[in-house]
Amino acid sequence: MVLTVWDLGNLRGWKLNLKFGILKILGKEIFLSFENKNRVKLYSLLRLRITSKNTAIIREVHTYGQLRPIVRGLASNISPQHKGLGKKLIKEAERIAKKEFGLNKIAVISSVGVKNYYRRLGYRLANTYMVKKV
């Protein structure tokens, strides 16, 4: 499995285990994904927005696959669900926001059903966003 960050401005990517790219339109848009080695299957994705303010925004995190119940200690081999891919993408987005852009905060647009997931990752509710200092 390969972590990919696409260069959306030129619609190209390059391989080094980690691919990094930026689309700049009144801010910067970064797309991170986990794919299979020949990049024909998308397992998980994250869209990160870098604004002119001190906060990055995670606009979307999604892991594809057949819905699986969460059972401690059991992970299905046939589904990418519940294998930590989303968490790894979030950690990479936090690293990019801090190290690449010098930002000190990251916010997530999240639905009610996943707010506790973000709380476990250190995020706190601030108005309509889940926010974390990085």
N, C-alpha and C. Protein backbone atom coordinates (compact mmCIF):
# COMPACT_ATOMS: atom_id res chain seq x y z
N MET A 1 0.84 -1.16 0.00
CA MET A 1 0.00 0.00 0.00
C MET A 1 0.89 1.23 0.00
N VAL A 2 0.54 2.25 -0.77
CA VAL A 2 1.36 3.44 -0.94
C VAL A 2 0.58 4.66 -0.47
N LEU A 3 1.21 5.52 0.34
CA LEU A 3 0.62 6.80 0.69
C LEU A 3 0.97 7.77 -0.41
N THR A 4 -0.04 8.43 -0.97
CA THR A 4 0.16 9.34 -2.09
C THR A 4 -0.37 10.72 -1.73
N VAL A 5 0.37 11.74 -2.11
CA VAL A 5 -0.12 13.11 -2.02
C VAL A 5 0.01 13.67 -3.42
N TRP A 6 -1.11 14.05 -4.02
CA TRP A 6 -1.12 14.45 -5.43
C TRP A 6 -0.81 15.91 -5.63
N ASP A 7 -0.13 16.21 -6.73
CA ASP A 7 0.06 17.58 -7.21
C ASP A 7 -1.15 17.89 -8.07
N LEU A 8 -2.16 18.50 -7.49
CA LEU A 8 -3.40 18.75 -8.22
C LEU A 8 -3.26 19.89 -9.22
N GLY A 9 -2.27 20.76 -9.04
CA GLY A 9 -2.06 21.86 -9.97
C GLY A 9 -1.63 21.38 -11.34
N ASN A 10 -0.77 20.39 -11.41
CA ASN A 10 -0.28 19.87 -12.68
C ASN A 10 -0.87 18.51 -13.01
N LEU A 11 -1.75 18.02 -12.16
CA LEU A 11 -2.35 16.70 -12.32
C LEU A 11 -1.30 15.62 -12.56
N ARG A 12 -0.28 15.65 -11.72
CA ARG A 12 0.75 14.61 -11.80
C ARG A 12 1.21 14.29 -10.39
N GLY A 13 1.75 13.13 -10.22
CA GLY A 13 2.30 12.72 -8.94
C GLY A 13 3.68 12.16 -9.18
N TRP A 14 4.47 12.00 -8.15
CA TRP A 14 5.77 11.35 -8.29
C TRP A 14 5.99 10.46 -7.10
N LYS A 15 6.74 9.37 -7.31
CA LYS A 15 6.88 8.34 -6.27
C LYS A 15 8.16 8.51 -5.47
N LEU A 16 8.02 8.43 -4.16
CA LEU A 16 9.13 8.38 -3.21
C LEU A 16 8.61 7.80 -1.91
N ASN A 17 7.68 6.90 -1.94
CA ASN A 17 6.94 6.44 -0.77
C ASN A 17 5.88 7.47 -0.39
N LEU A 18 6.24 8.75 -0.45
CA LEU A 18 5.29 9.81 -0.15
C LEU A 18 5.31 10.78 -1.31
N LYS A 19 4.14 11.10 -1.81
CA LYS A 19 4.04 12.07 -2.89
C LYS A 19 3.43 13.33 -2.33
N PHE A 20 3.92 14.47 -2.75
CA PHE A 20 3.46 15.73 -2.19
C PHE A 20 3.08 16.67 -3.31
N GLY A 21 1.94 17.29 -3.22
CA GLY A 21 1.53 18.23 -4.25
C GLY A 21 0.55 19.24 -3.72
N ILE A 22 0.45 20.36 -4.43
CA ILE A 22 -0.38 21.46 -3.97
C ILE A 22 -1.12 22.07 -5.16
N LEU A 23 -2.39 22.38 -4.97
CA LEU A 23 -3.16 23.17 -5.91
C LEU A 23 -3.43 24.49 -5.21
N LYS A 24 -3.09 25.61 -5.86
CA LYS A 24 -3.23 26.91 -5.21
C LYS A 24 -4.34 27.71 -5.88
N ILE A 25 -5.46 27.87 -5.20
CA ILE A 25 -6.56 28.70 -5.65
C ILE A 25 -7.13 29.35 -4.40
N LEU A 26 -6.73 30.60 -4.11
CA LEU A 26 -7.15 31.29 -2.89
C LEU A 26 -6.90 30.43 -1.66
N GLY A 27 -5.81 29.76 -1.65
CA GLY A 27 -5.43 28.82 -0.60
C GLY A 27 -4.78 27.65 -1.28
N LYS A 28 -4.47 26.63 -0.53
CA LYS A 28 -3.82 25.44 -1.09
C LYS A 28 -4.65 24.22 -0.75
N GLU A 29 -4.78 23.34 -1.70
CA GLU A 29 -5.57 22.12 -1.54
C GLU A 29 -4.61 20.94 -1.68
N ILE A 30 -4.57 20.06 -0.69
CA ILE A 30 -3.67 18.91 -0.71
C ILE A 30 -4.52 17.65 -0.60
N PHE A 31 -4.24 16.69 -1.47
CA PHE A 31 -4.99 15.43 -1.51
C PHE A 31 -4.04 14.30 -1.14
N LEU A 32 -4.35 13.59 -0.05
CA LEU A 32 -3.55 12.45 0.39
C LEU A 32 -4.38 11.20 0.19
N SER A 33 -3.73 10.10 -0.17
CA SER A 33 -4.49 8.86 -0.35
C SER A 33 -3.61 7.64 -0.09
N PHE A 34 -4.28 6.55 0.28
CA PHE A 34 -3.67 5.23 0.30
C PHE A 34 -4.24 4.48 -0.89
N GLU A 35 -3.35 3.93 -1.72
CA GLU A 35 -3.74 3.18 -2.90
C GLU A 35 -2.93 1.90 -2.96
N ASN A 36 -3.33 0.98 -3.85
CA ASN A 36 -2.48 -0.19 -4.04
C ASN A 36 -1.26 0.23 -4.87
N LYS A 37 -0.28 -0.66 -5.00
CA LYS A 37 1.00 -0.30 -5.61
C LYS A 37 0.88 0.19 -7.05
N ASN A 38 -0.01 -0.40 -7.83
CA ASN A 38 -0.15 0.06 -9.22
C ASN A 38 -1.23 1.12 -9.37
N ARG A 39 -1.70 1.65 -8.26
CA ARG A 39 -2.61 2.79 -8.19
C ARG A 39 -3.91 2.60 -8.95
N VAL A 40 -4.48 1.41 -8.90
CA VAL A 40 -5.78 1.19 -9.52
C VAL A 40 -6.88 1.05 -8.47
N LYS A 41 -6.51 0.87 -7.20
CA LYS A 41 -7.49 0.78 -6.12
C LYS A 41 -7.21 1.88 -5.10
N LEU A 42 -8.23 2.66 -4.80
CA LEU A 42 -8.14 3.70 -3.78
C LEU A 42 -8.72 3.14 -2.49
N TYR A 43 -7.92 3.12 -1.43
CA TYR A 43 -8.37 2.59 -0.14
C TYR A 43 -8.89 3.69 0.78
N SER A 44 -8.16 4.80 0.82
CA SER A 44 -8.51 5.86 1.76
C SER A 44 -8.01 7.20 1.22
N LEU A 45 -8.74 8.29 1.54
CA LEU A 45 -8.33 9.61 1.05
C LEU A 45 -8.57 10.67 2.12
N LEU A 46 -7.85 11.78 1.97
CA LEU A 46 -8.02 12.94 2.83
C LEU A 46 -7.80 14.18 1.99
N ARG A 47 -8.67 15.18 2.14
CA ARG A 47 -8.52 16.47 1.48
C ARG A 47 -8.20 17.51 2.54
N LEU A 48 -7.07 18.19 2.37
CA LEU A 48 -6.59 19.18 3.32
C LEU A 48 -6.55 20.55 2.65
N ARG A 49 -7.11 21.55 3.31
CA ARG A 49 -7.13 22.92 2.80
C ARG A 49 -6.23 23.78 3.68
N ILE A 50 -5.27 24.47 3.04
CA ILE A 50 -4.39 25.41 3.73
C ILE A 50 -4.89 26.80 3.37
N THR A 51 -5.34 27.55 4.37
CA THR A 51 -5.86 28.90 4.12
C THR A 51 -4.80 29.92 4.49
N SER A 52 -5.12 31.18 4.29
CA SER A 52 -4.17 32.25 4.63
C SER A 52 -4.16 32.52 6.14
N LYS A 53 -5.07 31.89 6.87
CA LYS A 53 -5.10 32.06 8.33
C LYS A 53 -4.17 31.03 8.96
N ASN A 54 -4.14 30.94 10.27
CA ASN A 54 -3.23 30.02 10.96
C ASN A 54 -3.78 28.62 11.11
N THR A 55 -4.86 28.30 10.41
CA THR A 55 -5.51 27.01 10.59
C THR A 55 -5.63 26.27 9.26
N ALA A 56 -5.28 24.99 9.28
CA ALA A 56 -5.54 24.11 8.13
C ALA A 56 -6.90 23.46 8.37
N ILE A 57 -7.57 23.08 7.30
CA ILE A 57 -8.89 22.45 7.43
C ILE A 57 -8.88 21.10 6.72
N ILE A 58 -9.21 20.05 7.46
CA ILE A 58 -9.44 18.75 6.84
C ILE A 58 -10.88 18.75 6.36
N ARG A 59 -11.04 18.75 5.05
CA ARG A 59 -12.38 18.87 4.46
C ARG A 59 -13.07 17.52 4.29
N GLU A 60 -12.27 16.47 4.16
CA GLU A 60 -12.86 15.15 3.93
C GLU A 60 -11.85 14.07 4.29
N VAL A 61 -12.31 13.05 4.97
CA VAL A 61 -11.52 11.83 5.22
C VAL A 61 -12.47 10.68 4.93
N HIS A 62 -12.01 9.74 4.09
CA HIS A 62 -12.89 8.62 3.76
C HIS A 62 -12.06 7.37 3.51
N THR A 63 -12.49 6.26 4.08
CA THR A 63 -11.90 4.95 3.79
C THR A 63 -12.98 4.11 3.12
N TYR A 64 -12.64 3.60 1.95
CA TYR A 64 -13.59 2.82 1.17
C TYR A 64 -13.53 1.35 1.55
N GLY A 65 -14.55 0.64 1.22
CA GLY A 65 -14.59 -0.79 1.48
C GLY A 65 -15.91 -1.17 2.08
N GLN A 66 -16.11 -2.45 2.18
CA GLN A 66 -17.34 -2.97 2.76
C GLN A 66 -17.41 -2.58 4.23
N LEU A 67 -18.55 -2.06 4.65
CA LEU A 67 -18.73 -1.65 6.04
C LEU A 67 -18.52 -2.85 6.96
N ARG A 68 -17.69 -2.66 7.97
CA ARG A 68 -17.37 -3.72 8.92
C ARG A 68 -17.66 -3.23 10.33
N PRO A 69 -18.18 -4.10 11.18
CA PRO A 69 -18.36 -3.70 12.58
C PRO A 69 -17.00 -3.56 13.25
N ILE A 70 -16.95 -2.69 14.24
CA ILE A 70 -15.71 -2.52 15.01
C ILE A 70 -15.69 -3.57 16.11
N VAL A 71 -14.75 -4.49 16.01
CA VAL A 71 -14.59 -5.55 17.01
C VAL A 71 -13.14 -5.51 17.47
N ARG A 72 -12.92 -5.27 18.74
CA ARG A 72 -11.55 -5.17 19.26
C ARG A 72 -10.74 -6.43 18.95
N GLY A 73 -9.54 -6.20 18.40
CA GLY A 73 -8.63 -7.30 18.14
C GLY A 73 -8.88 -8.04 16.84
N LEU A 74 -9.97 -7.73 16.15
CA LEU A 74 -10.27 -8.41 14.89
C LEU A 74 -10.31 -7.40 13.76
N ALA A 75 -9.53 -7.64 12.72
CA ALA A 75 -9.55 -6.80 11.54
C ALA A 75 -9.73 -7.70 10.33
N SER A 76 -10.66 -7.36 9.49
CA SER A 76 -10.91 -8.16 8.30
C SER A 76 -9.78 -7.97 7.30
N ASN A 77 -9.36 -9.04 6.66
CA ASN A 77 -8.33 -8.94 5.64
C ASN A 77 -8.88 -8.49 4.30
N ILE A 78 -10.19 -8.51 4.13
CA ILE A 78 -10.75 -8.17 2.82
C ILE A 78 -11.24 -6.73 2.73
N SER A 79 -11.21 -5.99 3.80
CA SER A 79 -11.69 -4.61 3.79
C SER A 79 -10.65 -3.68 4.40
N PRO A 80 -10.44 -2.51 3.78
CA PRO A 80 -9.51 -1.54 4.38
C PRO A 80 -10.08 -0.83 5.61
N GLN A 81 -11.36 -1.06 5.89
CA GLN A 81 -12.00 -0.42 7.04
C GLN A 81 -11.35 -0.87 8.36
N HIS A 82 -11.23 0.04 9.30
CA HIS A 82 -10.75 -0.22 10.67
C HIS A 82 -9.32 -0.76 10.73
N LYS A 83 -8.47 -0.27 9.84
CA LYS A 83 -7.06 -0.66 9.85
C LYS A 83 -6.14 0.52 10.12
N GLY A 84 -6.72 1.66 10.50
CA GLY A 84 -5.91 2.83 10.86
C GLY A 84 -5.50 3.71 9.70
N LEU A 85 -6.05 3.48 8.50
CA LEU A 85 -5.65 4.29 7.35
C LEU A 85 -6.07 5.74 7.52
N GLY A 86 -7.29 5.97 7.97
CA GLY A 86 -7.76 7.34 8.19
C GLY A 86 -6.92 8.05 9.23
N LYS A 87 -6.60 7.36 10.31
CA LYS A 87 -5.77 7.94 11.37
C LYS A 87 -4.39 8.31 10.83
N LYS A 88 -3.81 7.45 9.99
CA LYS A 88 -2.49 7.74 9.41
C LYS A 88 -2.56 8.96 8.50
N LEU A 89 -3.64 9.07 7.72
CA LEU A 89 -3.80 10.24 6.86
C LEU A 89 -3.95 11.51 7.69
N ILE A 90 -4.71 11.44 8.77
CA ILE A 90 -4.90 12.60 9.65
C ILE A 90 -3.56 13.02 10.26
N LYS A 91 -2.78 12.06 10.74
CA LYS A 91 -1.46 12.36 11.32
C LYS A 91 -0.55 13.01 10.28
N GLU A 92 -0.59 12.52 9.04
CA GLU A 92 0.22 13.12 7.97
C GLU A 92 -0.27 14.53 7.65
N ALA A 93 -1.58 14.76 7.64
CA ALA A 93 -2.12 16.10 7.41
C ALA A 93 -1.67 17.05 8.52
N GLU A 94 -1.66 16.58 9.77
CA GLU A 94 -1.19 17.40 10.88
C GLU A 94 0.28 17.75 10.71
N ARG A 95 1.07 16.76 10.28
CA ARG A 95 2.51 17.00 10.06
C ARG A 95 2.72 18.02 8.95
N ILE A 96 2.00 17.88 7.84
CA ILE A 96 2.12 18.81 6.72
C ILE A 96 1.74 20.22 7.15
N ALA A 97 0.63 20.36 7.87
CA ALA A 97 0.18 21.68 8.32
C ALA A 97 1.25 22.36 9.18
N LYS A 98 1.84 21.60 10.09
CA LYS A 98 2.83 22.17 11.00
C LYS A 98 4.19 22.36 10.34
N LYS A 99 4.74 21.30 9.76
CA LYS A 99 6.12 21.33 9.27
C LYS A 99 6.26 22.03 7.92
N GLU A 100 5.32 21.80 7.01
CA GLU A 100 5.43 22.37 5.67
C GLU A 100 4.89 23.80 5.58
N PHE A 101 3.90 24.13 6.44
CA PHE A 101 3.25 25.43 6.33
C PHE A 101 3.32 26.27 7.60
N GLY A 102 3.89 25.74 8.67
CA GLY A 102 4.07 26.51 9.90
C GLY A 102 2.77 26.87 10.61
N LEU A 103 1.73 26.08 10.40
CA LEU A 103 0.44 26.37 11.03
C LEU A 103 0.39 25.73 12.41
N ASN A 104 -0.39 26.34 13.30
CA ASN A 104 -0.44 25.82 14.67
C ASN A 104 -1.78 25.19 15.03
N LYS A 105 -2.72 25.16 14.08
CA LYS A 105 -4.04 24.61 14.37
C LYS A 105 -4.57 23.89 13.14
N ILE A 106 -5.33 22.83 13.39
CA ILE A 106 -5.99 22.12 12.30
C ILE A 106 -7.44 21.87 12.72
N ALA A 107 -8.36 22.10 11.80
CA ALA A 107 -9.78 21.94 12.08
C ALA A 107 -10.35 20.88 11.15
N VAL A 108 -11.40 20.21 11.62
CA VAL A 108 -12.04 19.15 10.84
C VAL A 108 -13.52 19.46 10.73
N ILE A 109 -14.04 19.37 9.52
CA ILE A 109 -15.47 19.43 9.31
C ILE A 109 -15.97 18.01 9.54
N SER A 110 -16.70 17.77 10.62
CA SER A 110 -17.10 16.40 10.92
C SER A 110 -18.58 16.33 11.27
N SER A 111 -19.17 15.20 10.96
CA SER A 111 -20.57 14.98 11.32
C SER A 111 -20.64 14.55 12.79
N VAL A 112 -21.82 14.58 13.33
CA VAL A 112 -22.04 14.23 14.74
C VAL A 112 -21.53 12.83 15.04
N GLY A 113 -21.72 11.89 14.13
CA GLY A 113 -21.38 10.49 14.37
C GLY A 113 -19.90 10.20 14.54
N VAL A 114 -19.02 11.09 14.08
CA VAL A 114 -17.58 10.83 14.18
C VAL A 114 -16.85 11.79 15.11
N LYS A 115 -17.56 12.64 15.79
CA LYS A 115 -16.91 13.59 16.70
C LYS A 115 -16.10 12.88 17.79
N ASN A 116 -16.60 11.77 18.32
CA ASN A 116 -15.84 11.03 19.34
C ASN A 116 -14.55 10.44 18.78
N TYR A 117 -14.55 10.04 17.51
CA TYR A 117 -13.34 9.56 16.85
C TYR A 117 -12.27 10.66 16.89
N TYR A 118 -12.65 11.89 16.53
CA TYR A 118 -11.70 13.00 16.54
C TYR A 118 -11.30 13.38 17.96
N ARG A 119 -12.20 13.25 18.91
CA ARG A 119 -11.83 13.50 20.32
C ARG A 119 -10.70 12.56 20.76
N ARG A 120 -10.79 11.30 20.36
CA ARG A 120 -9.74 10.33 20.70
C ARG A 120 -8.40 10.68 20.06
N LEU A 121 -8.43 11.47 18.99
CA LEU A 121 -7.19 11.90 18.33
C LEU A 121 -6.71 13.25 18.84
N GLY A 122 -7.38 13.78 19.88
CA GLY A 122 -6.93 15.03 20.49
C GLY A 122 -7.66 16.28 20.03
N TYR A 123 -8.71 16.13 19.26
CA TYR A 123 -9.48 17.28 18.77
C TYR A 123 -10.55 17.66 19.80
N ARG A 124 -10.90 18.95 19.83
CA ARG A 124 -11.93 19.45 20.73
C ARG A 124 -12.93 20.27 19.92
N LEU A 125 -14.18 20.26 20.35
CA LEU A 125 -15.24 20.99 19.66
C LEU A 125 -15.05 22.49 19.83
N ALA A 126 -15.06 23.22 18.71
CA ALA A 126 -15.00 24.68 18.71
C ALA A 126 -16.01 25.16 17.67
N ASN A 127 -17.15 25.63 18.14
CA ASN A 127 -18.26 26.00 17.27
C ASN A 127 -18.70 24.78 16.47
N THR A 128 -18.58 24.82 15.14
CA THR A 128 -19.02 23.69 14.33
C THR A 128 -17.87 22.76 13.93
N TYR A 129 -16.64 23.11 14.29
CA TYR A 129 -15.47 22.33 13.90
C TYR A 129 -14.89 21.56 15.09
N MET A 130 -14.21 20.48 14.79
CA MET A 130 -13.35 19.81 15.76
C MET A 130 -11.95 20.38 15.49
N VAL A 131 -11.28 20.90 16.53
CA VAL A 131 -10.03 21.63 16.36
C VAL A 131 -8.94 21.04 17.25
N LYS A 132 -7.71 21.06 16.72
CA LYS A 132 -6.56 20.56 17.48
C LYS A 132 -5.37 21.49 17.25
N LYS A 133 -4.63 21.78 18.32
CA LYS A 133 -3.37 22.51 18.18
C LYS A 133 -2.30 21.50 17.79
N VAL A 134 -1.51 21.85 16.79
CA VAL A 134 -0.46 20.94 16.32
C VAL A 134 0.92 21.53 16.58
